Amino acid sequence: MTNLPSEEGYIKFQVHWASAPAWDAAQVAELNRWREVMRRHGLIGAYPDGVGFGNISLRWEHSDRFLISGSATGHLPALDGSHYSLVTAVRIDTNELWCEGPAVASSESMSHAAIYAECPWVGGVIHAHHLELWERLLHRVPTTGSDAAYGTPEMAYDIRRLLRTTDLPQQRLFVMEGHREGIFAFGANLEEAAERILRALTSISIAN
């Protein structure tokens, strides 16, 4: 395990990080746009004790690589090109991840990687936190096992299992029983991923 702080604890994979200059504003504009939408709805942000939560990623140039918000950035009100990392390779079986950029990739990067690898059509992924939504969706939508912790190979393998054995590719939304409040949404692009989770959030507002 790499003992680096993350937005939700510590990075649990072995990270191979190549430091590189900040990304251009245009390269992270879409990520920042939808991250701000998530923040306005309390889906990405920080708890009262200052610990941040949530992350967002975008497939990079039609490859298996993806650009993701960096470790320990969830609490920040806004990000720029210095806060993102390009994940270039992942080996779930050896718990290793390679990334490059000005920041180390998010602790949830292995979970994002599992989705991109299994679903070539996915262009954007969002990991959010919302207790009420998590409680409402738990076992009502595809749900990872209680023994799968965030950022671990076990979580990545369980996400892959859900993608292969449930209607998750159609639902495009799942919750993490072993990661309280944790919710993932994905889509062909970030707009679709955001709309999926916002529709779910609206549904609990209507129910209330």
C-alpha atoms as a PDB file:
ATOM      1  CA  MET A   1       0.000   0.000   0.000  1.00  0.00           C
ATOM      2  CA  THR A   2       1.203   3.513  -0.787  1.00  0.00           C
ATOM      3  CA  ASN A   3       0.926   5.630   2.349  1.00  0.00           C
ATOM      4  CA  LEU A   4      -0.179   8.829   0.665  1.00  0.00           C
ATOM      5  CA  PRO A   5      -3.134  10.901   1.875  1.00  0.00           C
ATOM      6  CA  SER A   6      -6.222  10.886  -0.298  1.00  0.00           C
ATOM      7  CA  GLU A   7      -9.598  12.593  -0.226  1.00  0.00           C
ATOM      8  CA  GLU A   8     -11.052   9.773   1.856  1.00  0.00           C
ATOM      9  CA  GLY A   9      -8.151   8.212   3.753  1.00  0.00           C
ATOM     10  CA  TYR A  10      -5.090   6.667   2.149  1.00  0.00           C
ATOM     11  CA  ILE A  11      -4.193   5.383  -1.287  1.00  0.00           C
ATOM     12  CA  LYS A  12      -4.347   1.600  -1.101  1.00  0.00           C
ATOM     13  CA  PHE A  13      -2.524   0.694  -4.302  1.00  0.00           C
ATOM     14  CA  GLN A  14       1.147   0.896  -5.231  1.00  0.00           C
ATOM     15  CA  VAL A  15       1.396   4.074  -7.268  1.00  0.00           C
ATOM     16  CA  HIS A  16       4.073   4.753  -9.883  1.00  0.00           C
ATOM     17  CA  TRP A  17       3.859   8.509 -10.379  1.00  0.00           C
ATOM     18  CA  ALA A  18       5.770  10.530 -12.970  1.00  0.00           C
ATOM     19  CA  SER A  19       5.603  14.221 -12.119  1.00  0.00           C
ATOM     20  CA  ALA A  20       4.720  16.418 -15.098  1.00  0.00           C
ATOM     21  CA  PRO A  21       3.552  20.007 -15.768  1.00  0.00           C
ATOM     22  CA  ALA A  22      -0.003  21.140 -15.129  1.00  0.00           C
ATOM     23  CA  TRP A  23      -2.642  20.417 -17.751  1.00  0.00           C
ATOM     24  CA  ASP A  24      -3.931  23.205 -19.969  1.00  0.00           C
ATOM     25  CA  ALA A  25      -7.204  24.811 -18.926  1.00  0.00           C
ATOM     26  CA  ALA A  26      -8.906  23.471 -22.057  1.00  0.00           C
ATOM     27  CA  GLN A  27      -7.894  19.904 -21.196  1.00  0.00           C
ATOM     28  CA  VAL A  28      -9.655  20.000 -17.829  1.00  0.00           C
ATOM     29  CA  ALA A  29     -12.555  22.335 -18.700  1.00  0.00           C
ATOM     30  CA  GLU A  30     -15.192  19.596 -19.039  1.00  0.00           C
ATOM     31  CA  LEU A  31     -14.040  17.924 -15.839  1.00  0.00           C
ATOM     32  CA  ASN A  32     -14.229  21.200 -13.947  1.00  0.00           C
ATOM     33  CA  ARG A  33     -17.638  22.022 -15.394  1.00  0.00           C
ATOM     34  CA  TRP A  34     -19.256  18.815 -14.170  1.00  0.00           C
ATOM     35  CA  ARG A  35     -17.317  18.751 -10.913  1.00  0.00           C
ATOM     36  CA  GLU A  36     -18.833  22.150 -10.097  1.00  0.00           C
ATOM     37  CA  VAL A  37     -22.317  20.761 -10.819  1.00  0.00           C
ATOM     38  CA  MET A  38     -21.620  17.880  -8.442  1.00  0.00           C
ATOM     39  CA  ARG A  39     -20.383  20.292  -5.771  1.00  0.00           C
ATOM     40  CA  ARG A  40     -23.527  22.416  -6.011  1.00  0.00           C
ATOM     41  CA  HIS A  41     -25.585  19.329  -5.196  1.00  0.00           C
ATOM     42  CA  GLY A  42     -23.329  18.224  -2.343  1.00  0.00           C
ATOM     43  CA  LEU A  43     -22.123  15.146  -4.217  1.00  0.00           C
ATOM     44  CA  ILE A  44     -18.466  16.206  -4.220  1.00  0.00           C
ATOM     45  CA  GLY A  45     -17.085  18.325  -1.414  1.00  0.00           C
ATOM     46  CA  ALA A  46     -15.955  18.126   2.193  1.00  0.00           C
ATOM     47  CA  TYR A  47     -17.314  17.032   5.552  1.00  0.00           C
ATOM     48  CA  PRO A  48     -17.413  19.455   8.501  1.00  0.00           C
ATOM     49  CA  ASP A  49     -14.018  18.150   9.677  1.00  0.00           C
ATOM     50  CA  GLY A  50     -12.492  19.222   6.361  1.00  0.00           C
ATOM     51  CA  VAL A  51     -12.037  15.733   4.891  1.00  0.00           C
ATOM     52  CA  GLY A  52     -12.882  15.824   1.200  1.00  0.00           C
ATOM     53  CA  PHE A  53     -14.893  13.309  -0.818  1.00  0.00           C
ATOM     54  CA  GLY A  54     -15.699  12.536  -4.427  1.00  0.00           C
ATOM     55  CA  ASN A  55     -13.765  12.471  -7.680  1.00  0.00           C
ATOM     56  CA  ILE A  56     -14.342  12.673 -11.398  1.00  0.00           C
ATOM     57  CA  SER A  57     -12.643  11.304 -14.505  1.00  0.00           C
ATOM     58  CA  LEU A  58     -12.703  11.499 -18.300  1.00  0.00           C
ATOM     59  CA  ARG A  59     -11.442   8.944 -20.829  1.00  0.00           C
ATOM     60  CA  TRP A  60      -8.327  10.239 -22.553  1.00  0.00           C
ATOM     61  CA  GLU A  61      -8.117  10.253 -26.355  1.00  0.00           C
ATOM     62  CA  HIS A  62     -10.163   7.080 -26.966  1.00  0.00           C
ATOM     63  CA  SER A  63      -7.662   4.960 -25.043  1.00  0.00           C
ATOM     64  CA  ASP A  64      -7.780   3.041 -21.760  1.00  0.00           C
ATOM     65  CA  ARG A  65      -6.080   6.005 -20.100  1.00  0.00           C
ATOM     66  CA  PHE A  66      -8.125   8.566 -18.206  1.00  0.00           C
ATOM     67  CA  LEU A  67      -7.687  11.973 -16.623  1.00  0.00           C
ATOM     68  CA  ILE A  68      -8.869  12.048 -13.006  1.00  0.00           C
ATOM     69  CA  SER A  69      -8.982  14.529 -10.147  1.00  0.00           C
ATOM     70  CA  GLY A  70      -5.975  14.159  -7.897  1.00  0.00           C
ATOM     71  CA  SER A  71      -5.623  12.726  -4.436  1.00  0.00           C
ATOM     72  CA  ALA A  72      -6.692  15.047  -1.600  1.00  0.00           C
ATOM     73  CA  THR A  73      -8.611  17.467  -3.852  1.00  0.00           C
ATOM     74  CA  GLY A  74     -12.219  16.686  -2.894  1.00  0.00           C
ATOM     75  CA  HIS A  75     -12.338  19.503  -0.335  1.00  0.00           C
ATOM     76  CA  LEU A  76     -11.180  22.185  -2.766  1.00  0.00           C
ATOM     77  CA  PRO A  77     -13.910  24.536  -4.047  1.00  0.00           C
ATOM     78  CA  ALA A  78     -12.424  24.616  -7.551  1.00  0.00           C
ATOM     79  CA  LEU A  79      -9.682  22.786  -9.424  1.00  0.00           C
ATOM     80  CA  ASP A  80      -7.275  23.784 -12.171  1.00  0.00           C
ATOM     81  CA  GLY A  81      -4.745  21.980 -14.336  1.00  0.00           C
ATOM     82  CA  SER A  82      -2.465  21.347 -11.377  1.00  0.00           C
ATOM     83  CA  HIS A  83      -5.044  19.147  -9.662  1.00  0.00           C
ATOM     84  CA  TYR A  84      -5.431  16.349 -12.218  1.00  0.00           C
ATOM     85  CA  SER A  85      -3.530  13.179 -13.045  1.00  0.00           C
ATOM     86  CA  LEU A  86      -3.463  10.962 -16.133  1.00  0.00           C
ATOM     87  CA  VAL A  87      -3.764   7.280 -15.266  1.00  0.00           C
ATOM     88  CA  THR A  88      -1.769   5.468 -17.931  1.00  0.00           C
ATOM     89  CA  ALA A  89      -1.925   1.851 -16.745  1.00  0.00           C
ATOM     90  CA  VAL A  90      -3.447  -0.298 -14.011  1.00  0.00           C
ATOM     91  CA  ARG A  91      -2.692  -3.846 -12.903  1.00  0.00           C
ATOM     92  CA  ILE A  92      -5.442  -4.953 -10.578  1.00  0.00           C
ATOM     93  CA  ASP A  93      -3.872  -8.347  -9.894  1.00  0.00           C
ATOM     94  CA  THR A  94      -0.696  -6.762  -8.465  1.00  0.00           C
ATOM     95  CA  ASN A  95      -2.455  -3.693  -7.006  1.00  0.00           C
ATOM     96  CA  GLU A  96      -0.371  -1.263  -9.084  1.00  0.00           C
ATOM     97  CA  LEU A  97      -1.264   1.957 -10.862  1.00  0.00           C
ATOM     98  CA  TRP A  98       0.803   4.224 -13.102  1.00  0.00           C
ATOM     99  CA  CYS A  99      -0.018   7.920 -13.467  1.00  0.00           C
ATOM    100  CA  GLU A 100       1.583  11.145 -14.632  1.00  0.00           C
ATOM    101  CA  GLY A 101       0.963  14.836 -14.114  1.00  0.00           C
ATOM    102  CA  PRO A 102       1.283  17.447 -11.373  1.00  0.00           C
ATOM    103  CA  ALA A 103      -0.827  15.422  -8.906  1.00  0.00           C
ATOM    104  CA  VAL A 104      -1.076  11.816  -7.761  1.00  0.00           C
ATOM    105  CA  ALA A 105      -4.240  10.110  -9.008  1.00  0.00           C
ATOM    106  CA  SER A 106      -7.257   9.760  -6.711  1.00  0.00           C
ATOM    107  CA  SER A 107      -7.444   6.853  -4.283  1.00  0.00           C
ATOM    108  CA  GLU A 108     -10.505   5.641  -6.215  1.00  0.00           C
ATOM    109  CA  SER A 109      -8.635   5.451  -9.532  1.00  0.00           C
ATOM    110  CA  MET A 110      -8.621   1.654  -9.593  1.00  0.00           C
ATOM    111  CA  SER A 111     -12.425   1.642  -9.429  1.00  0.00           C
ATOM    112  CA  HIS A 112     -12.619   4.101 -12.324  1.00  0.00           C
ATOM    113  CA  ALA A 113     -10.137   1.952 -14.257  1.00  0.00           C
ATOM    114  CA  ALA A 114     -12.311  -1.146 -13.841  1.00  0.00           C
ATOM    115  CA  ILE A 115     -15.235   0.641 -15.493  1.00  0.00           C
ATOM    116  CA  TYR A 116     -13.217   2.006 -18.403  1.00  0.00           C
ATOM    117  CA  ALA A 117     -11.562  -1.361 -19.058  1.00  0.00           C
ATOM    118  CA  GLU A 118     -14.828  -3.303 -18.998  1.00  0.00           C
ATOM    119  CA  CYS A 119     -16.910  -0.767 -20.966  1.00  0.00           C
ATOM    120  CA  PRO A 120     -15.082   0.750 -23.957  1.00  0.00           C
ATOM    121  CA  TRP A 121     -18.092   3.000 -24.629  1.00  0.00           C
ATOM    122  CA  VAL A 122     -17.816   4.780 -21.269  1.00  0.00           C
ATOM    123  CA  GLY A 123     -16.351   8.268 -21.562  1.00  0.00           C
ATOM    124  CA  GLY A 124     -16.863   9.708 -18.072  1.00  0.00           C
ATOM    125  CA  VAL A 125     -17.123   8.455 -14.498  1.00  0.00           C
ATOM    126  CA  ILE A 126     -18.186  10.224 -11.286  1.00  0.00           C
ATOM    127  CA  HIS A 127     -17.704   9.004  -7.724  1.00  0.00           C
ATOM    128  CA  ALA A 128     -19.956  10.865  -5.320  1.00  0.00           C
ATOM    129  CA  HIS A 129     -20.987  10.743  -1.681  1.00  0.00           C
ATOM    130  CA  HIS A 130     -24.534  11.235  -0.446  1.00  0.00           C
ATOM    131  CA  LEU A 131     -25.808   9.409   2.618  1.00  0.00           C
ATOM    132  CA  GLU A 132     -29.552   9.595   1.953  1.00  0.00           C
ATOM    133  CA  LEU A 133     -29.192   8.598  -1.682  1.00  0.00           C
ATOM    134  CA  TRP A 134     -26.830   5.778  -0.721  1.00  0.00           C
ATOM    135  CA  GLU A 135     -29.327   4.459   1.820  1.00  0.00           C
ATOM    136  CA  ARG A 136     -32.198   4.653  -0.682  1.00  0.00           C
ATOM    137  CA  LEU A 137     -30.260   2.895  -3.455  1.00  0.00           C
ATOM    138  CA  LEU A 138     -28.495   0.212  -1.405  1.00  0.00           C
ATOM    139  CA  HIS A 139     -29.418  -3.188  -2.921  1.00  0.00           C
ATOM    140  CA  ARG A 140     -32.050  -1.492  -5.095  1.00  0.00           C
ATOM    141  CA  VAL A 141     -29.434  -0.866  -7.760  1.00  0.00           C
ATOM    142  CA  PRO A 142     -26.304  -2.975  -8.364  1.00  0.00           C
ATOM    143  CA  THR A 143     -24.317  -2.962  -5.116  1.00  0.00           C
ATOM    144  CA  THR A 144     -20.742  -3.990  -4.413  1.00  0.00           C
ATOM    145  CA  GLY A 145     -20.091  -6.353  -1.518  1.00  0.00           C
ATOM    146  CA  SER A 146     -19.737  -5.253   2.079  1.00  0.00           C
ATOM    147  CA  ASP A 147     -16.219  -6.675   2.237  1.00  0.00           C
ATOM    148  CA  ALA A 148     -14.944  -4.661  -0.752  1.00  0.00           C
ATOM    149  CA  ALA A 149     -13.154  -1.555   0.544  1.00  0.00           C
ATOM    150  CA  TYR A 150     -12.666   1.617  -1.504  1.00  0.00           C
ATOM    151  CA  GLY A 151      -9.631   1.808  -3.744  1.00  0.00           C
ATOM    152  CA  THR A 152      -8.719  -1.883  -3.520  1.00  0.00           C
ATOM    153  CA  PRO A 153      -8.411  -4.700  -6.066  1.00  0.00           C
ATOM    154  CA  GLU A 154     -11.379  -6.341  -4.331  1.00  0.00           C
ATOM    155  CA  MET A 155     -13.514  -3.321  -5.161  1.00  0.00           C
ATOM    156  CA  ALA A 156     -12.300  -3.276  -8.764  1.00  0.00           C
ATOM    157  CA  TYR A 157     -13.037  -6.968  -9.185  1.00  0.00           C
ATOM    158  CA  ASP A 158     -16.500  -6.536  -7.657  1.00  0.00           C
ATOM    159  CA  ILE A 159     -17.299  -3.669 -10.015  1.00  0.00           C
ATOM    160  CA  ARG A 160     -16.254  -5.861 -12.911  1.00  0.00           C
ATOM    161  CA  ARG A 161     -18.499  -8.642 -11.576  1.00  0.00           C
ATOM    162  CA  LEU A 162     -21.482  -6.281 -11.465  1.00  0.00           C
ATOM    163  CA  LEU A 163     -20.805  -5.065 -14.987  1.00  0.00           C
ATOM    164  CA  ARG A 164     -20.751  -8.655 -16.261  1.00  0.00           C
ATOM    165  CA  THR A 165     -23.590 -10.223 -14.283  1.00  0.00           C
ATOM    166  CA  THR A 166     -26.168  -7.481 -13.621  1.00  0.00           C
ATOM    167  CA  ASP A 167     -27.931  -4.749 -15.594  1.00  0.00           C
ATOM    168  CA  LEU A 168     -25.343  -2.208 -14.438  1.00  0.00           C
ATOM    169  CA  PRO A 169     -24.286  -1.351 -18.018  1.00  0.00           C
ATOM    170  CA  GLN A 170     -27.880  -0.200 -18.547  1.00  0.00           C
ATOM    171  CA  GLN A 171     -28.436   1.382 -15.113  1.00  0.00           C
ATOM    172  CA  ARG A 172     -25.047   3.100 -15.149  1.00  0.00           C
ATOM    173  CA  LEU A 173     -25.302   3.670 -11.400  1.00  0.00           C
ATOM    174  CA  PHE A 174     -24.145   1.565  -8.453  1.00  0.00           C
ATOM    175  CA  VAL A 175     -23.529   1.900  -4.740  1.00  0.00           C
ATOM    176  CA  MET A 176     -20.721   0.558  -2.575  1.00  0.00           C
ATOM    177  CA  GLU A 177     -21.965  -1.280   0.490  1.00  0.00           C
ATOM    178  CA  GLY A 178     -18.453  -1.409   1.957  1.00  0.00           C
ATOM    179  CA  HIS A 179     -17.890   2.308   1.443  1.00  0.00           C
ATOM    180  CA  ARG A 180     -20.584   4.226   3.309  1.00  0.00           C
ATOM    181  CA  GLU A 181     -22.155   6.992   1.205  1.00  0.00           C
ATOM    182  CA  GLY A 182     -20.172   5.910  -1.894  1.00  0.00           C
ATOM    183  CA  ILE A 183     -21.994   6.049  -5.242  1.00  0.00           C
ATOM    184  CA  PHE A 184     -20.669   5.718  -8.798  1.00  0.00           C
ATOM    185  CA  ALA A 185     -22.275   6.889 -12.035  1.00  0.00           C
ATOM    186  CA  PHE A 186     -20.927   6.645 -15.557  1.00  0.00           C
ATOM    187  CA  GLY A 187     -21.933   7.278 -19.129  1.00  0.00           C
ATOM    188  CA  ALA A 188     -20.801   7.851 -22.685  1.00  0.00           C
ATOM    189  CA  ASN A 189     -19.646  11.268 -21.485  1.00  0.00           C
ATOM    190  CA  LEU A 190     -19.598  13.235 -18.247  1.00  0.00           C
ATOM    191  CA  GLU A 191     -22.915  14.894 -18.989  1.00  0.00           C
ATOM    192  CA  GLU A 192     -24.614  11.514 -19.158  1.00  0.00           C
ATOM    193  CA  ALA A 193     -22.910  10.350 -15.954  1.00  0.00           C
ATOM    194  CA  ALA A 194     -23.971  13.513 -14.136  1.00  0.00           C
ATOM    195  CA  GLU A 195     -27.541  13.295 -15.387  1.00  0.00           C
ATOM    196  CA  ARG A 196     -27.791   9.710 -14.178  1.00  0.00           C
ATOM    197  CA  ILE A 197     -26.890  10.571 -10.605  1.00  0.00           C
ATOM    198  CA  LEU A 198     -28.895  13.805 -10.594  1.00  0.00           C
ATOM    199  CA  ARG A 199     -32.017  11.930 -11.721  1.00  0.00           C
ATOM    200  CA  ALA A 200     -31.556   9.579  -8.785  1.00  0.00           C
ATOM    201  CA  LEU A 201     -31.105  12.525  -6.443  1.00  0.00           C
ATOM    202  CA  THR A 202     -34.264  14.160  -7.787  1.00  0.00           C
ATOM    203  CA  SER A 203     -36.209  10.954  -7.211  1.00  0.00           C
ATOM    204  CA  ILE A 204     -35.523  10.967  -3.480  1.00  0.00           C
ATOM    205  CA  SER A 205     -36.499  14.653  -3.291  1.00  0.00           C
ATOM    206  CA  ILE A 206     -39.833  13.846  -4.907  1.00  0.00           C
ATOM    207  CA  ALA A 207     -40.294  10.896  -2.540  1.00  0.00           C
ATOM    208  CA  ASN A 208     -39.779  13.207   0.429  1.00  0.00           C
END
